[in-house]
Every structure is written in C-alpha cells, then in structure tokens.
C-alpha atoms as a PDB file:
ATOM      1  CA  UNK A   1     102.296 120.320  91.470  1.00  0.00           C
ATOM      2  CA  UNK A   2      99.106 118.031  90.962  1.00  0.00           C
ATOM      3  CA  UNK A   3      96.701 117.781  94.073  1.00  0.00           C
ATOM      4  CA  UNK A   4      96.636 114.338  95.484  1.00  0.00           C
ATOM      5  CA  UNK A   5      93.253 112.478  94.694  1.00  0.00           C
ATOM      6  CA  UNK A   6      92.206 111.033  98.059  1.00  0.00           C
ATOM      7  CA  UNK A   7      89.221 108.611  98.501  1.00  0.00           C
ATOM      8  CA  UNK A   8      86.533 109.922 100.470  1.00  0.00           C
ATOM      9  CA  UNK A   9      86.848 107.437 103.375  1.00  0.00           C
ATOM     10  CA  UNK A  10      90.382 108.259 103.712  1.00  0.00           C
ATOM     11  CA  UNK A  11      90.393 111.000 106.300  1.00  0.00           C
ATOM     12  CA  UNK A  12      88.201 108.893 108.719  1.00  0.00           C
ATOM     13  CA  UNK A  13      90.144 105.893 108.146  1.00  0.00           C
ATOM     14  CA  UNK A  14      93.429 107.757 109.162  1.00  0.00           C
ATOM     15  CA  UNK A  15      91.927 109.279 112.163  1.00  0.00           C
ATOM     16  CA  UNK A  16      90.941 105.929 113.222  1.00  0.00           C
ATOM     17  CA  UNK A  17      94.237 104.384 112.865  1.00  0.00           C
ATOM     18  CA  UNK A  18      95.856 107.274 114.539  1.00  0.00           C
ATOM     19  CA  UNK A  19      93.370 106.987 117.451  1.00  0.00           C
ATOM     20  CA  UNK A  20      94.300 103.470 118.162  1.00  0.00           C
ATOM     21  CA  UNK A  21      98.117 104.181 118.452  1.00  0.00           C
ATOM     22  CA  UNK A  22      99.207 103.670 114.606  1.00  0.00           C
ATOM     23  CA  UNK A  23     101.475 106.190 113.142  1.00  0.00           C
ATOM     24  CA  UNK A  24     100.213 107.142 109.246  1.00  0.00           C
ATOM     25  CA  UNK A  25     102.005 108.581 106.575  1.00  0.00           C
ATOM     26  CA  UNK A  26     100.067 109.694 103.492  1.00  0.00           C
ATOM     27  CA  UNK A  27     101.661 108.519 100.188  1.00  0.00           C
ATOM     28  CA  UNK A  28      99.006 109.873  97.798  1.00  0.00           C
ATOM     29  CA  UNK A  29     101.257 112.647  96.194  1.00  0.00           C
ATOM     30  CA  UNK A  30     103.616 110.112  94.959  1.00  0.00           C
ATOM     31  CA  UNK A  31     100.820 108.505  92.507  1.00  0.00           C
ATOM     32  CA  UNK A  32     102.223 106.284  90.054  1.00  0.00           C
ATOM     33  CA  UNK A  33     100.222 103.671  91.616  1.00  0.00           C
ATOM     34  CA  UNK A  34     102.072 103.965  94.735  1.00  0.00           C
ATOM     35  CA  UNK A  35      99.318 102.828  97.799  1.00  0.00           C
ATOM     36  CA  UNK A  36      97.879 105.638  99.630  1.00  0.00           C
ATOM     37  CA  UNK A  37      99.234 105.150 103.124  1.00  0.00           C
ATOM     38  CA  UNK A  38     102.332 103.596 104.836  1.00  0.00           C
ATOM     39  CA  UNK A  39     101.045 102.127 108.558  1.00  0.00           C
ATOM     40  CA  UNK A  40     103.105 101.408 111.323  1.00  0.00           C
ATOM     41  CA  UNK A  41     101.389  99.205 113.724  1.00  0.00           C
ATOM     42  CA  UNK A  42     101.539 100.053 117.548  1.00  0.00           C
ATOM     43  CA  UNK A  43     103.760  96.692 117.955  1.00  0.00           C
ATOM     44  CA  UNK A  44     105.938  98.053 114.841  1.00  0.00           C
ATOM     45  CA  UNK A  45     104.820  96.448 112.032  1.00  0.00           C
ATOM     46  CA  UNK A  46     104.845  98.575 108.611  1.00  0.00           C
ATOM     47  CA  UNK A  47     101.644  98.164 106.228  1.00  0.00           C
ATOM     48  CA  UNK A  48     101.022  99.338 102.540  1.00  0.00           C
ATOM     49  CA  UNK A  49      97.638 100.133 102.514  1.00  0.00           C
ATOM     50  CA  UNK A  50      95.608 101.165  99.134  1.00  0.00           C
ATOM     51  CA  UNK A  51      92.241 102.944 100.344  1.00  0.00           C
ATOM     52  CA  UNK A  52      89.543 102.461  98.194  1.00  0.00           C
ATOM     53  CA  UNK A  53      85.690 103.291  98.561  1.00  0.00           C
ATOM     54  CA  UNK A  54      83.265  99.984  98.504  1.00  0.00           C
ATOM     55  CA  UNK A  55      82.826 100.386  94.734  1.00  0.00           C
ATOM     56  CA  UNK A  56      86.229 101.588  94.041  1.00  0.00           C
ATOM     57  CA  UNK A  57      88.479  99.307  91.823  1.00  0.00           C
ATOM     58  CA  UNK A  58      92.488  99.392  91.450  1.00  0.00           C
ATOM     59  CA  UNK A  59      93.463 101.316  88.148  1.00  0.00           C
ATOM     60  CA  UNK A  60      96.145 100.015  85.523  1.00  0.00           C
ATOM     61  CA  UNK A  61      98.905 101.902  87.511  1.00  0.00           C
ATOM     62  CA  UNK A  62      98.089 100.550  90.826  1.00  0.00           C
ATOM     63  CA  UNK A  63      98.059  96.892  89.552  1.00  0.00           C
ATOM     64  CA  UNK A  64     101.010  97.350  87.848  1.00  0.00           C
ATOM     65  CA  UNK A  65     102.816  98.853  91.097  1.00  0.00           C
ATOM     66  CA  UNK A  66     101.400  95.514  92.896  1.00  0.00           C
ATOM     67  CA  UNK A  67     102.660  92.995  90.537  1.00  0.00           C
ATOM     68  CA  UNK A  68     106.211  94.562  90.673  1.00  0.00           C
ATOM     69  CA  UNK A  69     106.205  95.314  94.472  1.00  0.00           C
ATOM     70  CA  UNK A  70     108.109  92.565  96.581  1.00  0.00           C
ATOM     71  CA  UNK A  71     106.045  93.133  99.581  1.00  0.00           C
ATOM     72  CA  UNK A  72     102.499  93.288 100.560  1.00  0.00           C
ATOM     73  CA  UNK A  73     100.153  95.648  99.680  1.00  0.00           C
ATOM     74  CA  UNK A  74      96.472  95.459 100.973  1.00  0.00           C
ATOM     75  CA  UNK A  75      93.340  96.981  99.445  1.00  0.00           C
ATOM     76  CA  UNK A  76      90.897  98.435 102.407  1.00  0.00           C
ATOM     77  CA  UNK A  77      87.774  99.961 102.444  1.00  0.00           C
ATOM     78  CA  UNK A  78      87.504 100.696 106.199  1.00  0.00           C
ATOM     79  CA  UNK A  79      89.025 100.879 109.258  1.00  0.00           C
ATOM     80  CA  UNK A  80      88.066  97.173 110.160  1.00  0.00           C
ATOM     81  CA  UNK A  81      89.822  96.120 107.103  1.00  0.00           C
ATOM     82  CA  UNK A  82      92.960  97.812 108.303  1.00  0.00           C
ATOM     83  CA  UNK A  83      92.592  96.815 111.876  1.00  0.00           C
ATOM     84  CA  UNK A  84      92.072  92.991 110.353  1.00  0.00           C
ATOM     85  CA  UNK A  85      95.179  93.098 108.430  1.00  0.00           C
ATOM     86  CA  UNK A  86      97.274  94.002 111.444  1.00  0.00           C
ATOM     87  CA  UNK A  87      95.897  91.714 113.681  1.00  0.00           C
ATOM     88  CA  UNK A  88      94.101  94.108 115.959  1.00  0.00           C
ATOM     89  CA  UNK A  89      90.435  94.674 117.091  1.00  0.00           C
ATOM     90  CA  UNK A  90      88.620  97.108 118.989  1.00  0.00           C
ATOM     91  CA  UNK A  91      86.701  95.942 122.317  1.00  0.00           C
ATOM     92  CA  UNK A  92      83.379  97.383 123.417  1.00  0.00           C
ATOM     93  CA  UNK A  93      84.810 100.315 125.016  1.00  0.00           C
ATOM     94  CA  UNK A  94      86.782 101.325 121.446  1.00  0.00           C
ATOM     95  CA  UNK A  95      90.013 100.225 123.116  1.00  0.00           C
ATOM     96  CA  UNK A  96      92.475  98.424 121.005  1.00  0.00           C
ATOM     97  CA  UNK A  97      93.191  94.810 121.513  1.00  0.00           C
ATOM     98  CA  UNK A  98      96.061  92.764 119.570  1.00  0.00           C
ATOM     99  CA  UNK A  99      94.421  89.473 118.282  1.00  0.00           C
ATOM    100  CA  UNK A 100      97.650  87.828 117.921  1.00  0.00           C
ATOM    101  CA  UNK A 101      98.227  87.648 121.793  1.00  0.00           C
ATOM    102  CA  UNK A 102      94.876  86.573 122.801  1.00  0.00           C
END
C-alpha cells in the first residue's frame, strides 16, 4: 500500500480543528482526487476539505473529483480558512464562536 501524501500544514490544521470541537477523519489514503479530510463541525455540518500549502495547486485527479462530486469541496490553506467555511471563529482567548448565531 502506498503511503498517503499529506501536505506539511495538514497535521497543524487537523489538531486545531479538533481543539475547537470538530471531528476530523483523514481521507488521504483514498487518493484518486478525494479530498484530504472530512470534518464534522460542532453544530453537525459535514465538510470536505482539500488542504493545500500556500503555493499548492489542485492536480488533474482532484479537479476531476470536484467536477463530478455533487456536494461541496473546499480548498483550505490554514485553520482560519476552515473555520470561515464552517461559519466559526475564535475569540481573543482562543474559544470557538459560531458566526452564524451572532
């Protein structure tokens, strides 16, 4: 079995999402253009995230997956991108806030 290719920023993003109460499942071993992680937000929403470094680009298999997938797939480059996609933010103390209920 091939080792999963994981971008350098993925471990930090996953750890940060878990700290704010998200469940994170790595999908990196699936390959074939499948996004890197499946995230369940604290409010129950499900999100597919493709993690890229600041310079990273989608490869042809990823583009094909996104074209054929009926749901949303979001490219994120840092924790803030993921939180924004889920409608979450952190206050000055690092506590999670749900922007949709402000």
